[in-house]
Amino acid sequence: MTEIRLLPGLPLTHTPADPAEEAWLLIAEVSALRTGRWMTEAAQVGLTAVQARALVALDPQAPAKMGVLGSALCIDRASLTELVDQLEGRGYVERKASPQDRRVKVLAVTPAGVNARERLIKALITPDSALDRLSGEQLGAIVTALRQVLA
């Protein structure tokens, strides 16, 4: 087995003890590629990774209560308020009174937010060009194996 970087971009390496450990470290390295791409796209639309995650979590067709978003992101009320202030400041969301209860604020995605959200989702779902080096059979084997891991 060969050495694998524990954190991409840093010199710390580790020689896996067994195939399961090697697979886990390689999955983490592939995941880091996706995360890097995600963070780059988030920065291009003027957001941090957390802000981008919040925007993607919102459904443009159904305004969400702020508390629901906070629960989905596992953040407290103060942090949520700051996060929404930042998204609102960028013009990606707006706070509105809930039609069911005007005391409750809901978050509506603006047209600019819809565009940014679509860019972010595309960054999440577009495969890295490195996968072009694999055959359909190899990709199928990876998909099958990962589905078993997640089952």
N, C-alpha and C. Protein backbone atom coordinates (compact mmCIF):
# COMPACT_ATOMS: atom_id res chain seq x y z
N MET A 1 0.84 -1.18 0.00
CA MET A 1 0.00 0.00 0.00
C MET A 1 0.88 1.24 0.00
N THR A 2 0.38 2.28 -0.62
CA THR A 2 1.15 3.50 -0.72
C THR A 2 0.66 4.53 0.29
N GLU A 3 1.51 5.51 0.52
CA GLU A 3 1.14 6.58 1.44
C GLU A 3 0.04 7.43 0.84
N ILE A 4 -0.85 7.91 1.69
CA ILE A 4 -1.96 8.77 1.29
C ILE A 4 -1.92 10.01 2.16
N ARG A 5 -2.16 11.17 1.56
CA ARG A 5 -2.24 12.41 2.34
C ARG A 5 -3.48 12.37 3.22
N LEU A 6 -3.30 12.69 4.48
CA LEU A 6 -4.45 12.70 5.40
C LEU A 6 -5.35 13.89 5.14
N LEU A 7 -4.77 15.03 4.81
CA LEU A 7 -5.54 16.22 4.46
C LEU A 7 -4.93 16.80 3.19
N PRO A 8 -5.71 16.88 2.10
CA PRO A 8 -5.16 17.39 0.84
C PRO A 8 -4.49 18.75 1.03
N GLY A 9 -3.34 18.90 0.39
CA GLY A 9 -2.61 20.15 0.48
C GLY A 9 -1.65 20.22 1.65
N LEU A 10 -1.73 19.26 2.57
CA LEU A 10 -0.83 19.25 3.71
C LEU A 10 0.12 18.05 3.61
N PRO A 11 1.32 18.17 4.16
CA PRO A 11 2.31 17.11 3.98
C PRO A 11 2.08 15.83 4.78
N LEU A 12 1.22 15.85 5.78
CA LEU A 12 1.03 14.68 6.63
C LEU A 12 0.47 13.51 5.82
N THR A 13 1.22 12.40 5.81
CA THR A 13 0.78 11.22 5.08
C THR A 13 0.66 10.04 6.02
N HIS A 14 0.04 8.98 5.51
CA HIS A 14 -0.19 7.79 6.31
C HIS A 14 -0.22 6.59 5.37
N THR A 15 0.41 5.51 5.78
CA THR A 15 0.34 4.27 5.02
C THR A 15 -0.78 3.44 5.61
N PRO A 16 -1.84 3.19 4.83
CA PRO A 16 -2.98 2.44 5.37
C PRO A 16 -2.58 1.05 5.84
N ALA A 17 -3.24 0.61 6.90
CA ALA A 17 -2.96 -0.69 7.48
C ALA A 17 -3.65 -1.83 6.74
N ASP A 18 -4.77 -1.50 6.08
CA ASP A 18 -5.53 -2.55 5.39
C ASP A 18 -6.36 -1.91 4.27
N PRO A 19 -6.96 -2.72 3.41
CA PRO A 19 -7.74 -2.17 2.29
C PRO A 19 -8.91 -1.29 2.72
N ALA A 20 -9.56 -1.60 3.83
CA ALA A 20 -10.68 -0.78 4.29
C ALA A 20 -10.19 0.62 4.65
N GLU A 21 -9.08 0.70 5.34
CA GLU A 21 -8.52 2.01 5.71
C GLU A 21 -8.10 2.76 4.47
N GLU A 22 -7.49 2.08 3.52
CA GLU A 22 -7.08 2.73 2.27
C GLU A 22 -8.31 3.26 1.51
N ALA A 23 -9.35 2.45 1.42
CA ALA A 23 -10.58 2.88 0.74
C ALA A 23 -11.15 4.11 1.42
N TRP A 24 -11.19 4.10 2.74
CA TRP A 24 -11.75 5.22 3.49
C TRP A 24 -10.96 6.50 3.24
N LEU A 25 -9.64 6.41 3.24
CA LEU A 25 -8.80 7.58 3.01
C LEU A 25 -8.96 8.09 1.58
N LEU A 26 -9.08 7.18 0.62
CA LEU A 26 -9.27 7.59 -0.77
C LEU A 26 -10.64 8.25 -0.97
N ILE A 27 -11.67 7.72 -0.31
CA ILE A 27 -12.99 8.35 -0.38
C ILE A 27 -12.91 9.76 0.19
N ALA A 28 -12.20 9.92 1.28
CA ALA A 28 -12.04 11.25 1.88
C ALA A 28 -11.31 12.20 0.93
N GLU A 29 -10.31 11.69 0.22
CA GLU A 29 -9.57 12.53 -0.71
C GLU A 29 -10.45 12.96 -1.88
N VAL A 30 -11.25 12.04 -2.40
CA VAL A 30 -12.18 12.38 -3.48
C VAL A 30 -13.20 13.39 -2.97
N SER A 31 -13.69 13.20 -1.76
CA SER A 31 -14.64 14.13 -1.17
C SER A 31 -14.03 15.53 -1.03
N ALA A 32 -12.76 15.60 -0.71
CA ALA A 32 -12.08 16.89 -0.57
C ALA A 32 -12.03 17.61 -1.92
N LEU A 33 -11.89 16.87 -3.01
CA LEU A 33 -11.92 17.49 -4.34
C LEU A 33 -13.27 18.17 -4.57
N ARG A 34 -14.33 17.46 -4.22
CA ARG A 34 -15.68 17.99 -4.39
C ARG A 34 -15.89 19.21 -3.48
N THR A 35 -15.40 19.13 -2.26
CA THR A 35 -15.54 20.24 -1.32
C THR A 35 -14.81 21.47 -1.84
N GLY A 36 -13.61 21.27 -2.37
CA GLY A 36 -12.85 22.39 -2.92
C GLY A 36 -13.58 23.06 -4.06
N ARG A 37 -14.16 22.25 -4.92
CA ARG A 37 -14.92 22.78 -6.05
C ARG A 37 -16.15 23.55 -5.54
N TRP A 38 -16.81 23.00 -4.53
CA TRP A 38 -17.99 23.63 -3.93
C TRP A 38 -17.62 24.98 -3.33
N MET A 39 -16.51 25.03 -2.59
CA MET A 39 -16.09 26.27 -1.94
C MET A 39 -15.70 27.32 -2.98
N THR A 40 -15.09 26.88 -4.08
CA THR A 40 -14.74 27.81 -5.15
C THR A 40 -16.00 28.41 -5.76
N GLU A 41 -16.98 27.58 -6.03
CA GLU A 41 -18.24 28.08 -6.61
C GLU A 41 -18.96 28.99 -5.62
N ALA A 42 -18.97 28.62 -4.35
CA ALA A 42 -19.59 29.46 -3.32
C ALA A 42 -18.92 30.84 -3.30
N ALA A 43 -17.60 30.87 -3.34
CA ALA A 43 -16.87 32.14 -3.33
C ALA A 43 -17.20 32.97 -4.57
N GLN A 44 -17.40 32.31 -5.69
CA GLN A 44 -17.73 33.05 -6.92
C GLN A 44 -19.10 33.72 -6.86
N VAL A 45 -20.00 33.18 -6.05
CA VAL A 45 -21.29 33.85 -5.87
C VAL A 45 -21.31 34.68 -4.58
N GLY A 46 -20.14 34.87 -3.97
CA GLY A 46 -20.00 35.74 -2.81
C GLY A 46 -20.43 35.15 -1.49
N LEU A 47 -20.38 33.81 -1.37
CA LEU A 47 -20.83 33.15 -0.15
C LEU A 47 -19.74 32.28 0.46
N THR A 48 -19.84 32.07 1.77
CA THR A 48 -19.02 31.06 2.42
C THR A 48 -19.69 29.70 2.17
N ALA A 49 -19.01 28.64 2.53
CA ALA A 49 -19.57 27.30 2.35
C ALA A 49 -20.87 27.14 3.16
N VAL A 50 -20.91 27.66 4.37
CA VAL A 50 -22.11 27.55 5.21
C VAL A 50 -23.26 28.35 4.62
N GLN A 51 -22.98 29.55 4.15
CA GLN A 51 -24.02 30.36 3.52
C GLN A 51 -24.56 29.66 2.27
N ALA A 52 -23.66 29.07 1.49
CA ALA A 52 -24.07 28.36 0.28
C ALA A 52 -24.94 27.16 0.63
N ARG A 53 -24.56 26.45 1.67
CA ARG A 53 -25.35 25.29 2.11
C ARG A 53 -26.75 25.73 2.51
N ALA A 54 -26.85 26.86 3.18
CA ALA A 54 -28.16 27.38 3.59
C ALA A 54 -28.99 27.74 2.36
N LEU A 55 -28.39 28.39 1.39
CA LEU A 55 -29.13 28.78 0.20
C LEU A 55 -29.63 27.55 -0.55
N VAL A 56 -28.80 26.53 -0.67
CA VAL A 56 -29.21 25.30 -1.36
C VAL A 56 -30.31 24.59 -0.58
N ALA A 57 -30.32 24.72 0.73
CA ALA A 57 -31.34 24.05 1.55
C ALA A 57 -32.73 24.67 1.39
N LEU A 58 -32.77 25.90 0.90
CA LEU A 58 -34.06 26.58 0.74
C LEU A 58 -34.70 26.21 -0.60
N ASP A 59 -36.00 25.98 -0.57
CA ASP A 59 -36.76 25.68 -1.78
C ASP A 59 -37.33 26.98 -2.34
N PRO A 60 -36.94 27.37 -3.54
CA PRO A 60 -37.45 28.63 -4.10
C PRO A 60 -38.97 28.65 -4.27
N GLN A 61 -39.59 27.48 -4.33
CA GLN A 61 -41.04 27.40 -4.52
C GLN A 61 -41.83 27.43 -3.22
N ALA A 62 -41.14 27.25 -2.09
CA ALA A 62 -41.84 27.17 -0.80
C ALA A 62 -41.03 27.88 0.28
N PRO A 63 -41.36 29.14 0.58
CA PRO A 63 -40.65 29.84 1.64
C PRO A 63 -40.61 29.02 2.93
N ALA A 64 -39.48 29.04 3.60
CA ALA A 64 -39.28 28.23 4.80
C ALA A 64 -39.20 29.11 6.04
N LYS A 65 -39.72 28.59 7.14
CA LYS A 65 -39.57 29.27 8.43
C LYS A 65 -38.09 29.27 8.79
N MET A 66 -37.65 30.35 9.39
CA MET A 66 -36.25 30.45 9.78
C MET A 66 -35.86 29.31 10.70
N GLY A 67 -36.72 28.95 11.63
CA GLY A 67 -36.40 27.87 12.57
C GLY A 67 -36.18 26.54 11.89
N VAL A 68 -36.91 26.29 10.81
CA VAL A 68 -36.75 25.04 10.06
C VAL A 68 -35.36 25.01 9.42
N LEU A 69 -34.95 26.14 8.85
CA LEU A 69 -33.61 26.21 8.26
C LEU A 69 -32.54 26.03 9.34
N GLY A 70 -32.71 26.68 10.48
CA GLY A 70 -31.75 26.54 11.57
C GLY A 70 -31.62 25.10 12.03
N SER A 71 -32.74 24.40 12.13
CA SER A 71 -32.70 22.98 12.52
C SER A 71 -31.99 22.14 11.48
N ALA A 72 -32.27 22.41 10.21
CA ALA A 72 -31.65 21.65 9.12
C ALA A 72 -30.13 21.85 9.11
N LEU A 73 -29.69 23.05 9.45
CA LEU A 73 -28.26 23.36 9.45
C LEU A 73 -27.59 23.12 10.80
N CYS A 74 -28.41 22.79 11.81
CA CYS A 74 -27.90 22.56 13.18
C CYS A 74 -27.17 23.78 13.73
N ILE A 75 -27.80 24.95 13.58
CA ILE A 75 -27.19 26.16 14.13
C ILE A 75 -28.19 26.87 15.04
N ASP A 76 -27.65 27.61 15.99
CA ASP A 76 -28.50 28.30 16.97
C ASP A 76 -29.13 29.56 16.35
N ARG A 77 -30.06 30.14 17.08
CA ARG A 77 -30.83 31.29 16.57
C ARG A 77 -29.95 32.49 16.22
N ALA A 78 -28.99 32.79 17.09
CA ALA A 78 -28.13 33.95 16.83
C ALA A 78 -27.31 33.76 15.56
N SER A 79 -26.76 32.57 15.40
CA SER A 79 -25.97 32.28 14.20
C SER A 79 -26.86 32.28 12.97
N LEU A 80 -28.07 31.77 13.11
CA LEU A 80 -29.02 31.74 11.99
C LEU A 80 -29.38 33.16 11.57
N THR A 81 -29.64 34.03 12.54
CA THR A 81 -29.98 35.41 12.21
C THR A 81 -28.84 36.07 11.45
N GLU A 82 -27.62 35.86 11.90
CA GLU A 82 -26.45 36.43 11.22
C GLU A 82 -26.33 35.86 9.79
N LEU A 83 -26.53 34.56 9.66
CA LEU A 83 -26.45 33.91 8.36
C LEU A 83 -27.50 34.48 7.40
N VAL A 84 -28.73 34.61 7.88
CA VAL A 84 -29.81 35.14 7.04
C VAL A 84 -29.54 36.61 6.70
N ASP A 85 -29.01 37.37 7.65
CA ASP A 85 -28.64 38.77 7.37
C ASP A 85 -27.66 38.82 6.20
N GLN A 86 -26.69 37.91 6.20
CA GLN A 86 -25.68 37.90 5.14
C GLN A 86 -26.30 37.51 3.80
N LEU A 87 -27.16 36.50 3.79
CA LEU A 87 -27.82 36.10 2.55
C LEU A 87 -28.74 37.21 2.03
N GLU A 88 -29.42 37.86 2.95
CA GLU A 88 -30.30 38.96 2.58
C GLU A 88 -29.47 40.14 2.04
N GLY A 89 -28.34 40.40 2.67
CA GLY A 89 -27.46 41.48 2.22
C GLY A 89 -26.92 41.26 0.82
N ARG A 90 -26.77 40.02 0.44
CA ARG A 90 -26.31 39.69 -0.91
C ARG A 90 -27.47 39.68 -1.92
N GLY A 91 -28.68 39.83 -1.41
CA GLY A 91 -29.84 39.85 -2.29
C GLY A 91 -30.34 38.47 -2.69
N TYR A 92 -29.94 37.43 -1.93
CA TYR A 92 -30.32 36.06 -2.28
C TYR A 92 -31.60 35.58 -1.60
N VAL A 93 -31.95 36.17 -0.47
CA VAL A 93 -33.19 35.82 0.22
C VAL A 93 -33.81 37.10 0.77
N GLU A 94 -35.09 36.99 1.07
CA GLU A 94 -35.74 38.07 1.79
C GLU A 94 -36.65 37.48 2.84
N ARG A 95 -36.72 38.20 3.96
CA ARG A 95 -37.62 37.78 5.03
C ARG A 95 -39.01 38.32 4.73
N LYS A 96 -40.00 37.48 4.96
CA LYS A 96 -41.39 37.88 4.78
C LYS A 96 -42.21 37.35 5.94
N ALA A 97 -43.33 37.96 6.17
CA ALA A 97 -44.25 37.43 7.18
C ALA A 97 -44.92 36.18 6.62
N SER A 98 -45.07 35.18 7.45
CA SER A 98 -45.74 33.95 7.05
C SER A 98 -47.21 34.24 6.76
N PRO A 99 -47.73 33.70 5.67
CA PRO A 99 -49.17 33.91 5.39
C PRO A 99 -50.07 33.29 6.47
N GLN A 100 -49.59 32.23 7.14
CA GLN A 100 -50.38 31.57 8.17
C GLN A 100 -50.32 32.30 9.52
N ASP A 101 -49.18 32.94 9.80
CA ASP A 101 -49.01 33.62 11.09
C ASP A 101 -48.03 34.76 10.87
N ARG A 102 -48.53 35.98 10.83
CA ARG A 102 -47.70 37.14 10.49
C ARG A 102 -46.59 37.40 11.51
N ARG A 103 -46.67 36.76 12.68
CA ARG A 103 -45.59 36.92 13.68
C ARG A 103 -44.36 36.09 13.30
N VAL A 104 -44.57 35.11 12.43
CA VAL A 104 -43.50 34.20 12.03
C VAL A 104 -42.88 34.70 10.73
N LYS A 105 -41.55 34.71 10.67
CA LYS A 105 -40.84 35.12 9.46
C LYS A 105 -40.46 33.88 8.64
N VAL A 106 -40.66 34.01 7.34
CA VAL A 106 -40.23 32.96 6.42
C VAL A 106 -39.19 33.55 5.48
N LEU A 107 -38.41 32.66 4.89
CA LEU A 107 -37.36 33.08 3.97
C LEU A 107 -37.77 32.72 2.55
N ALA A 108 -37.78 33.71 1.69
CA ALA A 108 -38.10 33.50 0.29
C ALA A 108 -36.83 33.71 -0.52
N VAL A 109 -36.58 32.82 -1.45
CA VAL A 109 -35.41 32.93 -2.33
C VAL A 109 -35.75 33.93 -3.44
N THR A 110 -34.88 34.91 -3.64
CA THR A 110 -35.08 35.93 -4.68
C THR A 110 -34.63 35.37 -6.03
N PRO A 111 -34.93 36.05 -7.13
CA PRO A 111 -34.43 35.60 -8.43
C PRO A 111 -32.90 35.48 -8.46
N ALA A 112 -32.19 36.42 -7.84
CA ALA A 112 -30.72 36.31 -7.77
C ALA A 112 -30.31 35.07 -6.97
N GLY A 113 -31.07 34.79 -5.91
CA GLY A 113 -30.80 33.61 -5.10
C GLY A 113 -31.05 32.33 -5.87
N VAL A 114 -32.08 32.32 -6.70
CA VAL A 114 -32.37 31.15 -7.54
C VAL A 114 -31.19 30.88 -8.47
N ASN A 115 -30.67 31.93 -9.10
CA ASN A 115 -29.53 31.76 -10.01
C ASN A 115 -28.29 31.25 -9.28
N ALA A 116 -27.99 31.85 -8.13
CA ALA A 116 -26.82 31.40 -7.35
C ALA A 116 -27.01 29.96 -6.89
N ARG A 117 -28.21 29.64 -6.44
CA ARG A 117 -28.53 28.28 -5.98
C ARG A 117 -28.33 27.26 -7.10
N GLU A 118 -28.79 27.60 -8.30
CA GLU A 118 -28.62 26.69 -9.45
C GLU A 118 -27.14 26.46 -9.76
N ARG A 119 -26.33 27.52 -9.68
CA ARG A 119 -24.88 27.37 -9.89
C ARG A 119 -24.27 26.44 -8.85
N LEU A 120 -24.69 26.62 -7.61
CA LEU A 120 -24.16 25.80 -6.53
C LEU A 120 -24.56 24.33 -6.70
N ILE A 121 -25.81 24.10 -7.05
CA ILE A 121 -26.27 22.73 -7.25
C ILE A 121 -25.53 22.09 -8.42
N LYS A 122 -25.31 22.85 -9.47
CA LYS A 122 -24.56 22.31 -10.62
C LYS A 122 -23.15 21.90 -10.20
N ALA A 123 -22.52 22.71 -9.34
CA ALA A 123 -21.18 22.37 -8.85
C ALA A 123 -21.21 21.07 -8.04
N LEU A 124 -22.31 20.83 -7.34
CA LEU A 124 -22.43 19.61 -6.54
C LEU A 124 -22.62 18.36 -7.41
N ILE A 125 -23.36 18.49 -8.50
CA ILE A 125 -23.75 17.30 -9.26
C ILE A 125 -22.87 17.03 -10.49
N THR A 126 -22.05 17.99 -10.89
CA THR A 126 -21.21 17.79 -12.07
C THR A 126 -19.99 16.97 -11.70
N PRO A 127 -19.83 15.81 -12.33
CA PRO A 127 -18.68 14.96 -12.01
C PRO A 127 -17.36 15.62 -12.41
N ASP A 128 -16.34 15.33 -11.65
CA ASP A 128 -15.00 15.81 -11.98
C ASP A 128 -14.53 15.12 -13.25
N SER A 129 -13.79 15.84 -14.06
CA SER A 129 -13.30 15.28 -15.33
C SER A 129 -12.37 14.09 -15.13
N ALA A 130 -11.82 13.93 -13.94
CA ALA A 130 -10.95 12.78 -13.66
C ALA A 130 -11.72 11.47 -13.84
N LEU A 131 -13.03 11.49 -13.67
CA LEU A 131 -13.82 10.28 -13.85
C LEU A 131 -13.88 9.83 -15.30
N ASP A 132 -13.53 10.73 -16.22
CA ASP A 132 -13.50 10.37 -17.64
C ASP A 132 -12.47 9.28 -17.93
N ARG A 133 -11.50 9.14 -17.04
CA ARG A 133 -10.45 8.12 -17.22
C ARG A 133 -10.96 6.71 -16.92
N LEU A 134 -12.15 6.60 -16.35
CA LEU A 134 -12.69 5.30 -15.97
C LEU A 134 -13.70 4.82 -17.01
N SER A 135 -13.76 3.52 -17.16
CA SER A 135 -14.75 2.94 -18.07
C SER A 135 -16.11 2.92 -17.39
N GLY A 136 -17.14 2.69 -18.18
CA GLY A 136 -18.49 2.55 -17.63
C GLY A 136 -18.56 1.42 -16.62
N GLU A 137 -17.83 0.34 -16.90
CA GLU A 137 -17.80 -0.81 -15.99
C GLU A 137 -17.16 -0.43 -14.66
N GLN A 138 -16.07 0.32 -14.72
CA GLN A 138 -15.40 0.75 -13.49
C GLN A 138 -16.29 1.69 -12.68
N LEU A 139 -16.94 2.61 -13.37
CA LEU A 139 -17.85 3.53 -12.68
C LEU A 139 -19.00 2.76 -12.04
N GLY A 140 -19.52 1.78 -12.76
CA GLY A 140 -20.60 0.95 -12.21
C GLY A 140 -20.17 0.21 -10.97
N ALA A 141 -18.93 -0.30 -10.97
CA ALA A 141 -18.42 -1.02 -9.80
C ALA A 141 -18.29 -0.07 -8.60
N ILE A 142 -17.84 1.16 -8.86
CA ILE A 142 -17.72 2.14 -7.77
C ILE A 142 -19.10 2.46 -7.21
N VAL A 143 -20.06 2.69 -8.09
CA VAL A 143 -21.42 3.01 -7.66
C VAL A 143 -21.99 1.87 -6.82
N THR A 144 -21.82 0.65 -7.29
CA THR A 144 -22.33 -0.51 -6.55
C THR A 144 -21.69 -0.61 -5.18
N ALA A 145 -20.38 -0.46 -5.13
CA ALA A 145 -19.67 -0.57 -3.85
C ALA A 145 -20.09 0.54 -2.89
N LEU A 146 -20.20 1.76 -3.37
CA LEU A 146 -20.58 2.87 -2.49
C LEU A 146 -22.02 2.74 -2.01
N ARG A 147 -22.89 2.23 -2.87
CA ARG A 147 -24.27 1.99 -2.42
C ARG A 147 -24.31 0.95 -1.29
N GLN A 148 -23.45 -0.05 -1.40
CA GLN A 148 -23.40 -1.07 -0.33
C GLN A 148 -22.88 -0.45 0.96
N VAL A 149 -21.89 0.43 0.85
CA VAL A 149 -21.35 1.10 2.03
C VAL A 149 -22.45 1.94 2.70
N LEU A 150 -23.25 2.60 1.91
CA LEU A 150 -24.27 3.51 2.45
C LEU A 150 -25.56 2.81 2.86
N ALA A 151 -25.72 1.54 2.48
CA ALA A 151 -26.95 0.81 2.81
C ALA A 151 -27.02 0.48 4.30
